[in-house]
């Protein structure tokens, strides 16, 4: 009788094929999810790097434009080529128009800027007793060379030149 009891017990033989396939499917979904997260993380890091580089390029160009003298030194000559000897000649580097440059250190981006002449500003009490006769609104943006339609950075600032004439 004792032998019968031992013979009737089933010995463990392992997992069925259904159990193995189900476990394999669960692990596959997990690995797939990790792969998707990894890809999204890499793309996010690339986008952050592009925006950081574009911001540095835009800041460099805006600093160049802000550092330009609004008026050329008065030397009694027609420095801006308008046919008149002005008390203050406007700097031709700040002429109205649209411009672009790709002299960034990476060679992957192009910086654009647009300069617009503004109307004279009235005298401001305490700041200037006379009208501010010149101001320029400068819009600056950076795009990647391989995707010129995508703007990474875009900002605007005003440059003001003071004149007593």
N, C-alpha and C. Protein backbone atom coordinates (compact mmCIF):
# COMPACT_ATOMS: atom_id res chain seq x y z
N UNK A 1 0.81 -1.18 0.00
CA UNK A 1 0.00 0.00 0.00
C UNK A 1 0.86 1.26 0.00
N UNK A 2 1.90 1.15 0.71
CA UNK A 2 2.80 2.29 0.75
C UNK A 2 3.37 2.55 -0.63
N UNK A 3 3.59 1.55 -1.36
CA UNK A 3 4.11 1.73 -2.69
C UNK A 3 3.08 2.39 -3.59
N UNK A 4 1.83 2.07 -3.43
CA UNK A 4 0.76 2.69 -4.21
C UNK A 4 0.68 4.20 -3.96
N UNK A 5 0.81 4.59 -2.74
CA UNK A 5 0.74 6.03 -2.41
C UNK A 5 1.90 6.75 -3.07
N UNK A 6 3.05 6.16 -3.00
CA UNK A 6 4.22 6.80 -3.62
C UNK A 6 4.08 6.83 -5.14
N UNK A 7 3.51 5.83 -5.71
CA UNK A 7 3.36 5.80 -7.16
C UNK A 7 2.30 6.77 -7.66
N UNK A 8 1.30 7.04 -6.84
CA UNK A 8 0.22 7.94 -7.24
C UNK A 8 0.63 9.41 -7.18
N UNK A 9 1.64 9.73 -6.41
CA UNK A 9 2.08 11.13 -6.33
C UNK A 9 2.79 11.50 -7.62
N UNK A 10 2.47 12.71 -8.06
CA UNK A 10 3.12 13.18 -9.28
C UNK A 10 4.42 13.87 -8.90
N UNK A 11 5.42 13.62 -9.63
CA UNK A 11 6.69 14.28 -9.37
C UNK A 11 6.71 15.60 -10.15
N UNK A 12 7.34 16.64 -9.58
CA UNK A 12 7.39 17.92 -10.31
C UNK A 12 8.23 17.77 -11.57
N UNK A 13 7.66 18.18 -12.70
CA UNK A 13 8.36 18.02 -13.95
C UNK A 13 8.74 19.37 -14.57
N UNK A 14 8.44 20.53 -13.99
CA UNK A 14 8.78 21.83 -14.54
C UNK A 14 7.54 22.60 -14.93
N UNK A 15 7.73 23.61 -15.77
CA UNK A 15 6.65 24.50 -16.19
C UNK A 15 6.07 24.02 -17.50
N UNK A 16 4.80 24.34 -17.68
CA UNK A 16 4.17 23.99 -18.96
C UNK A 16 4.60 25.03 -20.00
N UNK A 17 4.38 24.73 -21.25
CA UNK A 17 4.76 25.65 -22.33
C UNK A 17 3.96 26.94 -22.26
N UNK A 18 2.73 26.91 -21.83
CA UNK A 18 1.89 28.11 -21.69
C UNK A 18 2.49 29.02 -20.63
N UNK A 19 2.89 28.45 -19.51
CA UNK A 19 3.50 29.26 -18.45
C UNK A 19 4.79 29.92 -18.93
N UNK A 20 5.58 29.20 -19.66
CA UNK A 20 6.85 29.74 -20.17
C UNK A 20 6.58 30.85 -21.18
N UNK A 21 5.63 30.66 -22.07
CA UNK A 21 5.30 31.69 -23.06
C UNK A 21 4.74 32.94 -22.39
N UNK A 22 3.91 32.76 -21.39
CA UNK A 22 3.36 33.91 -20.68
C UNK A 22 4.47 34.69 -19.97
N UNK A 23 5.37 34.01 -19.30
CA UNK A 23 6.49 34.68 -18.63
C UNK A 23 7.37 35.39 -19.64
N UNK A 24 7.59 34.77 -20.77
CA UNK A 24 8.40 35.38 -21.83
C UNK A 24 7.73 36.65 -22.35
N UNK A 25 6.42 36.64 -22.52
CA UNK A 25 5.68 37.81 -22.99
C UNK A 25 5.77 38.95 -21.97
N UNK A 26 5.65 38.64 -20.69
CA UNK A 26 5.74 39.67 -19.64
C UNK A 26 7.13 40.29 -19.64
N UNK A 27 8.16 39.47 -19.69
CA UNK A 27 9.53 40.01 -19.71
C UNK A 27 9.80 40.82 -20.99
N UNK A 28 9.24 40.38 -22.12
CA UNK A 28 9.43 41.12 -23.38
C UNK A 28 8.80 42.50 -23.30
N UNK A 29 7.61 42.59 -22.73
CA UNK A 29 6.97 43.89 -22.57
C UNK A 29 7.80 44.80 -21.67
N UNK A 30 8.34 44.25 -20.63
CA UNK A 30 9.20 45.04 -19.73
C UNK A 30 10.44 45.56 -20.43
N UNK A 31 11.10 44.71 -21.18
CA UNK A 31 12.30 45.14 -21.91
C UNK A 31 11.97 46.17 -22.99
N UNK A 32 10.82 45.98 -23.64
CA UNK A 32 10.39 46.94 -24.65
C UNK A 32 10.14 48.31 -24.01
N UNK A 33 9.49 48.34 -22.87
CA UNK A 33 9.23 49.60 -22.16
C UNK A 33 10.53 50.29 -21.76
N UNK A 34 11.50 49.52 -21.30
CA UNK A 34 12.80 50.10 -20.95
C UNK A 34 13.48 50.67 -22.19
N UNK A 35 13.38 49.99 -23.32
CA UNK A 35 13.96 50.49 -24.57
C UNK A 35 13.31 51.78 -25.03
N UNK A 36 11.99 51.87 -24.92
CA UNK A 36 11.28 53.10 -25.30
C UNK A 36 11.71 54.25 -24.39
N UNK A 37 11.80 54.01 -23.10
CA UNK A 37 12.23 55.06 -22.17
C UNK A 37 13.66 55.50 -22.48
N UNK A 38 14.51 54.58 -22.82
CA UNK A 38 15.91 54.90 -23.15
C UNK A 38 15.96 55.79 -24.39
N UNK A 39 15.18 55.46 -25.41
CA UNK A 39 15.14 56.25 -26.64
C UNK A 39 14.63 57.65 -26.37
N UNK A 40 13.56 57.76 -25.59
CA UNK A 40 13.02 59.08 -25.26
C UNK A 40 14.03 59.90 -24.45
N UNK A 41 14.73 59.27 -23.56
CA UNK A 41 15.75 59.97 -22.77
C UNK A 41 16.89 60.49 -23.64
N UNK A 42 17.32 59.69 -24.60
CA UNK A 42 18.39 60.12 -25.51
C UNK A 42 17.93 61.30 -26.36
N UNK A 43 16.69 61.22 -26.89
CA UNK A 43 16.16 62.33 -27.70
C UNK A 43 15.99 63.59 -26.88
N UNK A 44 15.56 63.46 -25.65
CA UNK A 44 15.41 64.62 -24.78
C UNK A 44 16.76 65.26 -24.49
N UNK A 45 17.77 64.45 -24.24
CA UNK A 45 19.12 64.98 -23.99
C UNK A 45 19.66 65.69 -25.23
N UNK A 46 19.41 65.14 -26.42
CA UNK A 46 19.85 65.76 -27.66
C UNK A 46 19.16 67.12 -27.84
N UNK A 47 17.86 67.18 -27.59
CA UNK A 47 17.12 68.43 -27.71
C UNK A 47 17.62 69.48 -26.73
N UNK A 48 17.93 69.06 -25.51
CA UNK A 48 18.47 70.00 -24.51
C UNK A 48 19.84 70.52 -24.94
N UNK A 49 20.67 69.65 -25.48
CA UNK A 49 21.99 70.07 -25.95
C UNK A 49 21.87 71.07 -27.09
N UNK A 50 20.97 70.79 -28.04
CA UNK A 50 20.77 71.71 -29.16
C UNK A 50 20.31 73.08 -28.68
N UNK A 51 19.36 73.10 -27.75
CA UNK A 51 18.86 74.39 -27.24
C UNK A 51 19.94 75.14 -26.48
N UNK A 52 20.75 74.44 -25.72
CA UNK A 52 21.83 75.09 -24.98
C UNK A 52 22.86 75.69 -25.93
N UNK A 53 23.25 74.93 -26.95
CA UNK A 53 24.20 75.46 -27.93
C UNK A 53 23.61 76.65 -28.68
N UNK A 54 22.34 76.55 -29.06
CA UNK A 54 21.68 77.65 -29.77
C UNK A 54 21.59 78.89 -28.90
N UNK A 55 21.31 78.71 -27.62
CA UNK A 55 21.26 79.86 -26.70
C UNK A 55 22.62 80.53 -26.59
N UNK A 56 23.67 79.75 -26.50
CA UNK A 56 25.02 80.33 -26.43
C UNK A 56 25.35 81.12 -27.70
N UNK A 57 24.98 80.58 -28.85
CA UNK A 57 25.22 81.27 -30.12
C UNK A 57 24.42 82.56 -30.18
N UNK A 58 23.16 82.51 -29.78
CA UNK A 58 22.30 83.70 -29.80
C UNK A 58 22.82 84.77 -28.84
N UNK A 59 23.26 84.36 -27.66
CA UNK A 59 23.81 85.32 -26.71
C UNK A 59 25.07 85.97 -27.26
N UNK A 60 25.92 85.19 -27.90
CA UNK A 60 27.14 85.75 -28.48
C UNK A 60 26.81 86.79 -29.54
N UNK A 61 25.86 86.48 -30.43
CA UNK A 61 25.49 87.43 -31.48
C UNK A 61 24.82 88.66 -30.89
N UNK A 62 23.96 88.50 -29.91
CA UNK A 62 23.31 89.67 -29.32
C UNK A 62 24.32 90.55 -28.60
N UNK A 63 25.32 89.96 -27.97
CA UNK A 63 26.37 90.75 -27.33
C UNK A 63 27.18 91.53 -28.37
N UNK A 64 27.44 90.91 -29.53
CA UNK A 64 28.13 91.63 -30.61
C UNK A 64 27.32 92.84 -31.06
N UNK A 65 26.02 92.62 -31.26
CA UNK A 65 25.16 93.72 -31.71
C UNK A 65 25.04 94.80 -30.65
N UNK A 66 24.93 94.40 -29.39
CA UNK A 66 24.81 95.40 -28.31
C UNK A 66 26.12 96.16 -28.12
N UNK A 67 27.25 95.54 -28.40
CA UNK A 67 28.55 96.19 -28.23
C UNK A 67 28.86 97.18 -29.35
N UNK A 68 28.16 97.05 -30.48
CA UNK A 68 28.41 97.98 -31.59
C UNK A 68 28.03 99.39 -31.16
N UNK A 69 28.85 100.35 -31.55
CA UNK A 69 28.50 101.74 -31.31
C UNK A 69 27.30 102.09 -32.18
N UNK A 70 26.35 102.78 -31.58
CA UNK A 70 25.17 103.18 -32.34
C UNK A 70 25.55 104.23 -33.38
N UNK A 71 26.39 105.15 -32.96
CA UNK A 71 26.87 106.20 -33.86
C UNK A 71 28.37 106.03 -34.04
N UNK A 72 28.85 106.30 -35.24
CA UNK A 72 30.28 106.32 -35.48
C UNK A 72 30.85 107.60 -34.88
N UNK A 73 32.13 107.60 -34.61
CA UNK A 73 32.76 108.80 -34.06
C UNK A 73 32.58 109.97 -35.02
N UNK A 74 32.33 111.14 -34.45
CA UNK A 74 32.18 112.34 -35.27
C UNK A 74 33.56 112.81 -35.70
N UNK A 75 33.85 112.60 -36.97
CA UNK A 75 35.16 113.00 -37.48
C UNK A 75 35.03 114.01 -38.62
N UNK A 76 33.83 114.58 -38.76
CA UNK A 76 33.62 115.59 -39.78
C UNK A 76 33.50 115.00 -41.18
N UNK A 77 33.28 113.70 -41.29
CA UNK A 77 33.15 113.07 -42.60
C UNK A 77 31.84 112.29 -42.69
N UNK A 78 31.51 111.92 -43.90
CA UNK A 78 30.31 111.14 -44.16
C UNK A 78 30.65 109.65 -44.00
N UNK A 79 30.59 109.14 -42.77
CA UNK A 79 30.99 107.76 -42.50
C UNK A 79 29.95 106.74 -42.94
N UNK A 80 28.68 107.12 -42.96
CA UNK A 80 27.66 106.14 -43.30
C UNK A 80 27.28 106.14 -44.77
N UNK A 81 27.89 107.01 -45.57
CA UNK A 81 27.66 107.01 -47.01
C UNK A 81 26.33 107.57 -47.44
N UNK A 82 25.67 108.37 -46.58
CA UNK A 82 24.37 108.92 -46.98
C UNK A 82 24.49 110.26 -47.71
N UNK A 83 25.71 110.72 -47.95
CA UNK A 83 25.91 111.97 -48.68
C UNK A 83 25.91 113.21 -47.82
N UNK A 84 25.72 113.05 -46.52
CA UNK A 84 25.71 114.18 -45.61
C UNK A 84 26.73 113.97 -44.50
N UNK A 85 27.33 115.08 -44.07
CA UNK A 85 28.20 115.01 -42.91
C UNK A 85 27.34 115.31 -41.69
N UNK A 86 27.03 114.27 -40.95
CA UNK A 86 26.15 114.41 -39.79
C UNK A 86 26.96 114.66 -38.53
N UNK A 87 26.26 115.22 -37.55
CA UNK A 87 26.90 115.36 -36.25
C UNK A 87 27.17 113.97 -35.69
N UNK A 88 26.21 113.07 -35.89
CA UNK A 88 26.39 111.66 -35.54
C UNK A 88 26.02 110.83 -36.76
N UNK A 89 26.92 110.01 -37.24
CA UNK A 89 26.63 109.11 -38.34
C UNK A 89 26.25 107.75 -37.78
N UNK A 90 25.15 107.20 -38.26
CA UNK A 90 24.74 105.88 -37.80
C UNK A 90 25.73 104.83 -38.24
N UNK A 91 25.92 103.84 -37.41
CA UNK A 91 26.80 102.73 -37.72
C UNK A 91 26.15 101.85 -38.80
N UNK A 92 26.82 101.64 -39.94
CA UNK A 92 26.21 100.80 -40.99
C UNK A 92 25.96 99.36 -40.54
N UNK A 93 26.67 98.90 -39.51
CA UNK A 93 26.44 97.55 -38.99
C UNK A 93 25.09 97.39 -38.33
N UNK A 94 24.43 98.52 -38.03
CA UNK A 94 23.10 98.49 -37.42
C UNK A 94 22.03 98.97 -38.39
N UNK A 95 22.31 98.87 -39.68
CA UNK A 95 21.33 99.28 -40.69
C UNK A 95 20.13 98.34 -40.64
N UNK A 96 18.97 98.88 -40.97
CA UNK A 96 17.75 98.06 -40.97
C UNK A 96 17.86 96.99 -42.05
N UNK A 97 17.33 95.82 -41.74
CA UNK A 97 17.34 94.73 -42.71
C UNK A 97 17.41 93.38 -42.02
N UNK A 98 17.49 92.33 -42.82
CA UNK A 98 17.60 90.97 -42.31
C UNK A 98 18.98 90.41 -42.65
N UNK A 99 19.55 89.69 -41.71
CA UNK A 99 20.91 89.20 -41.86
C UNK A 99 21.01 87.78 -41.33
N UNK A 100 22.04 87.05 -41.75
CA UNK A 100 22.29 85.72 -41.19
C UNK A 100 23.78 85.45 -41.18
N UNK A 101 24.16 84.50 -40.33
CA UNK A 101 25.56 84.15 -40.17
C UNK A 101 25.62 82.72 -39.66
N UNK A 102 26.59 81.95 -40.10
CA UNK A 102 26.76 80.61 -39.53
C UNK A 102 28.20 80.43 -39.05
N UNK A 103 28.69 81.42 -38.34
CA UNK A 103 30.07 81.36 -37.86
C UNK A 103 30.15 80.79 -36.45
N UNK A 104 29.18 79.96 -36.06
CA UNK A 104 29.27 79.36 -34.73
C UNK A 104 30.37 78.32 -34.71
N UNK A 105 30.81 77.95 -33.53
CA UNK A 105 31.95 77.05 -33.37
C UNK A 105 31.64 75.61 -33.75
N UNK A 106 30.36 75.24 -33.82
CA UNK A 106 30.03 73.85 -34.14
C UNK A 106 29.77 73.66 -35.63
N UNK A 107 29.39 74.70 -36.34
CA UNK A 107 29.06 74.58 -37.75
C UNK A 107 27.71 73.93 -38.00
N UNK A 108 26.91 73.73 -36.95
CA UNK A 108 25.63 73.06 -37.09
C UNK A 108 24.44 74.00 -37.06
N UNK A 109 24.68 75.29 -36.77
CA UNK A 109 23.57 76.21 -36.57
C UNK A 109 23.76 77.46 -37.42
N UNK A 110 22.65 78.13 -37.68
CA UNK A 110 22.68 79.41 -38.38
C UNK A 110 21.91 80.41 -37.51
N UNK A 111 22.52 81.58 -37.34
CA UNK A 111 21.88 82.64 -36.54
C UNK A 111 21.36 83.70 -37.51
N UNK A 112 20.12 84.13 -37.28
CA UNK A 112 19.48 85.16 -38.08
C UNK A 112 19.14 86.33 -37.18
N UNK A 113 19.17 87.53 -37.75
CA UNK A 113 18.68 88.67 -36.99
C UNK A 113 18.07 89.67 -37.96
N UNK A 114 17.08 90.39 -37.44
CA UNK A 114 16.38 91.39 -38.22
C UNK A 114 16.40 92.69 -37.43
N UNK A 115 16.83 93.77 -38.09
CA UNK A 115 16.92 95.07 -37.43
C UNK A 115 15.85 95.97 -38.03
N UNK A 116 15.03 96.57 -37.17
CA UNK A 116 13.96 97.45 -37.60
C UNK A 116 14.18 98.82 -36.95
N UNK A 117 14.14 99.89 -37.76
CA UNK A 117 14.23 101.25 -37.22
C UNK A 117 12.92 101.58 -36.52
N UNK A 118 13.03 102.13 -35.32
CA UNK A 118 11.86 102.53 -34.57
C UNK A 118 11.66 104.03 -34.66
N UNK A 119 10.46 104.47 -34.35
CA UNK A 119 10.16 105.90 -34.33
C UNK A 119 10.90 106.56 -33.16
N UNK A 120 11.20 107.83 -33.25
CA UNK A 120 11.87 108.50 -32.13
C UNK A 120 11.06 108.39 -30.85
N UNK A 121 11.75 108.19 -29.75
CA UNK A 121 11.11 108.11 -28.45
C UNK A 121 11.08 109.50 -27.83
N UNK A 122 10.05 109.86 -27.09
CA UNK A 122 10.01 111.18 -26.46
C UNK A 122 11.04 111.28 -25.34
N UNK A 123 11.30 112.54 -24.90
CA UNK A 123 12.24 112.76 -23.80
C UNK A 123 11.71 112.06 -22.55
N UNK A 124 12.60 111.45 -21.81
CA UNK A 124 12.23 110.76 -20.58
C UNK A 124 12.76 111.56 -19.39
N UNK A 125 11.88 111.97 -18.51
CA UNK A 125 12.31 112.78 -17.37
C UNK A 125 13.30 112.01 -16.52
N UNK A 126 14.39 112.67 -16.20
CA UNK A 126 15.40 112.08 -15.36
C UNK A 126 16.41 111.23 -16.11
N UNK A 127 16.03 110.71 -17.28
CA UNK A 127 16.96 109.88 -18.04
C UNK A 127 17.60 110.66 -19.17
N UNK A 128 16.81 111.40 -19.91
CA UNK A 128 17.34 112.18 -21.03
C UNK A 128 16.46 113.41 -21.19
N UNK A 129 17.06 114.60 -21.14
CA UNK A 129 16.26 115.82 -21.26
C UNK A 129 15.87 116.13 -22.70
N UNK A 130 16.33 115.36 -23.64
CA UNK A 130 16.06 115.58 -25.05
C UNK A 130 15.50 114.30 -25.65
N UNK A 131 14.85 114.38 -26.80
CA UNK A 131 14.29 113.16 -27.39
C UNK A 131 15.37 112.14 -27.76
N UNK A 132 15.05 110.90 -27.54
CA UNK A 132 15.91 109.81 -28.00
C UNK A 132 15.55 109.58 -29.46
N UNK A 133 16.43 110.01 -30.33
CA UNK A 133 16.07 110.06 -31.75
C UNK A 133 16.23 108.73 -32.47
N UNK A 134 16.95 107.80 -31.92
CA UNK A 134 17.17 106.54 -32.63
C UNK A 134 16.98 105.36 -31.68
N UNK A 135 16.27 104.39 -32.15
CA UNK A 135 16.21 103.10 -31.47
C UNK A 135 15.99 102.04 -32.53
N UNK A 136 16.44 100.86 -32.24
CA UNK A 136 16.32 99.75 -33.18
C UNK A 136 15.81 98.54 -32.41
N UNK A 137 14.80 97.90 -32.97
CA UNK A 137 14.32 96.64 -32.42
C UNK A 137 15.03 95.53 -33.18
N UNK A 138 15.71 94.68 -32.44
CA UNK A 138 16.47 93.60 -33.05
C UNK A 138 15.86 92.27 -32.62
N UNK A 139 15.45 91.49 -33.60
CA UNK A 139 14.92 90.15 -33.37
C UNK A 139 15.99 89.16 -33.81
N UNK A 140 16.28 88.20 -32.96
CA UNK A 140 17.35 87.25 -33.22
C UNK A 140 16.82 85.84 -33.03
N UNK A 141 17.16 84.92 -33.96
CA UNK A 141 16.76 83.52 -33.80
C UNK A 141 17.82 82.61 -34.37
N UNK A 142 17.82 81.37 -33.88
CA UNK A 142 18.81 80.37 -34.28
C UNK A 142 18.08 79.12 -34.75
N UNK A 143 18.55 78.59 -35.90
CA UNK A 143 17.98 77.35 -36.43
C UNK A 143 19.11 76.36 -36.69
N UNK A 144 18.82 75.06 -36.64
CA UNK A 144 19.84 74.08 -37.04
C UNK A 144 19.99 74.09 -38.56
N UNK A 145 21.20 73.88 -39.04
CA UNK A 145 21.44 73.88 -40.49
C UNK A 145 20.66 72.79 -41.21
N UNK A 146 20.53 71.61 -40.58
CA UNK A 146 19.86 70.50 -41.28
C UNK A 146 18.33 70.65 -41.24
N UNK A 147 17.79 71.53 -40.38
CA UNK A 147 16.35 71.77 -40.32
C UNK A 147 16.11 73.28 -40.24
N UNK A 148 16.25 74.01 -41.34
CA UNK A 148 16.17 75.48 -41.29
C UNK A 148 14.81 76.01 -40.86
N UNK A 149 13.75 75.22 -40.97
CA UNK A 149 12.43 75.69 -40.56
C UNK A 149 12.18 75.61 -39.07
N UNK A 150 13.05 74.94 -38.34
CA UNK A 150 12.84 74.76 -36.89
C UNK A 150 13.63 75.81 -36.12
N UNK A 151 12.94 76.67 -35.39
CA UNK A 151 13.60 77.70 -34.59
C UNK A 151 13.86 77.15 -33.19
N UNK A 152 15.12 77.16 -32.77
CA UNK A 152 15.47 76.66 -31.44
C UNK A 152 15.37 77.76 -30.39
N UNK A 153 15.85 78.95 -30.72
CA UNK A 153 15.85 80.09 -29.80
C UNK A 153 15.38 81.31 -30.57
N UNK A 154 14.57 82.15 -29.91
CA UNK A 154 14.06 83.36 -30.53
C UNK A 154 13.89 84.41 -29.44
N UNK A 155 14.50 85.58 -29.60
CA UNK A 155 14.26 86.66 -28.66
C UNK A 155 14.45 88.01 -29.32
N UNK A 156 14.04 89.04 -28.62
CA UNK A 156 14.02 90.38 -29.16
C UNK A 156 14.55 91.37 -28.12
N UNK A 157 15.25 92.39 -28.59
CA UNK A 157 15.72 93.44 -27.68
C UNK A 157 15.75 94.76 -28.43
N UNK A 158 15.86 95.87 -27.68
CA UNK A 158 15.89 97.20 -28.26
C UNK A 158 17.22 97.84 -27.95
N UNK A 159 17.83 98.42 -28.97
CA UNK A 159 19.10 99.16 -28.83
C UNK A 159 18.76 100.62 -29.06
N UNK A 160 19.20 101.48 -28.15
CA UNK A 160 18.86 102.89 -28.21
C UNK A 160 20.13 103.71 -28.32
N UNK A 161 20.11 104.68 -29.23
CA UNK A 161 21.21 105.64 -29.37
C UNK A 161 20.70 107.02 -29.00
N UNK A 162 21.43 107.75 -28.20
CA UNK A 162 21.01 109.06 -27.73
C UNK A 162 21.69 110.12 -28.59
N UNK A 163 20.90 111.08 -29.04
CA UNK A 163 21.44 112.17 -29.86
C UNK A 163 20.85 113.48 -29.38
N UNK A 164 21.67 114.52 -29.35
CA UNK A 164 21.20 115.84 -28.96
C UNK A 164 20.75 116.64 -30.17
N UNK A 165 20.86 116.07 -31.35
CA UNK A 165 20.46 116.81 -32.55
C UNK A 165 19.14 116.33 -33.06
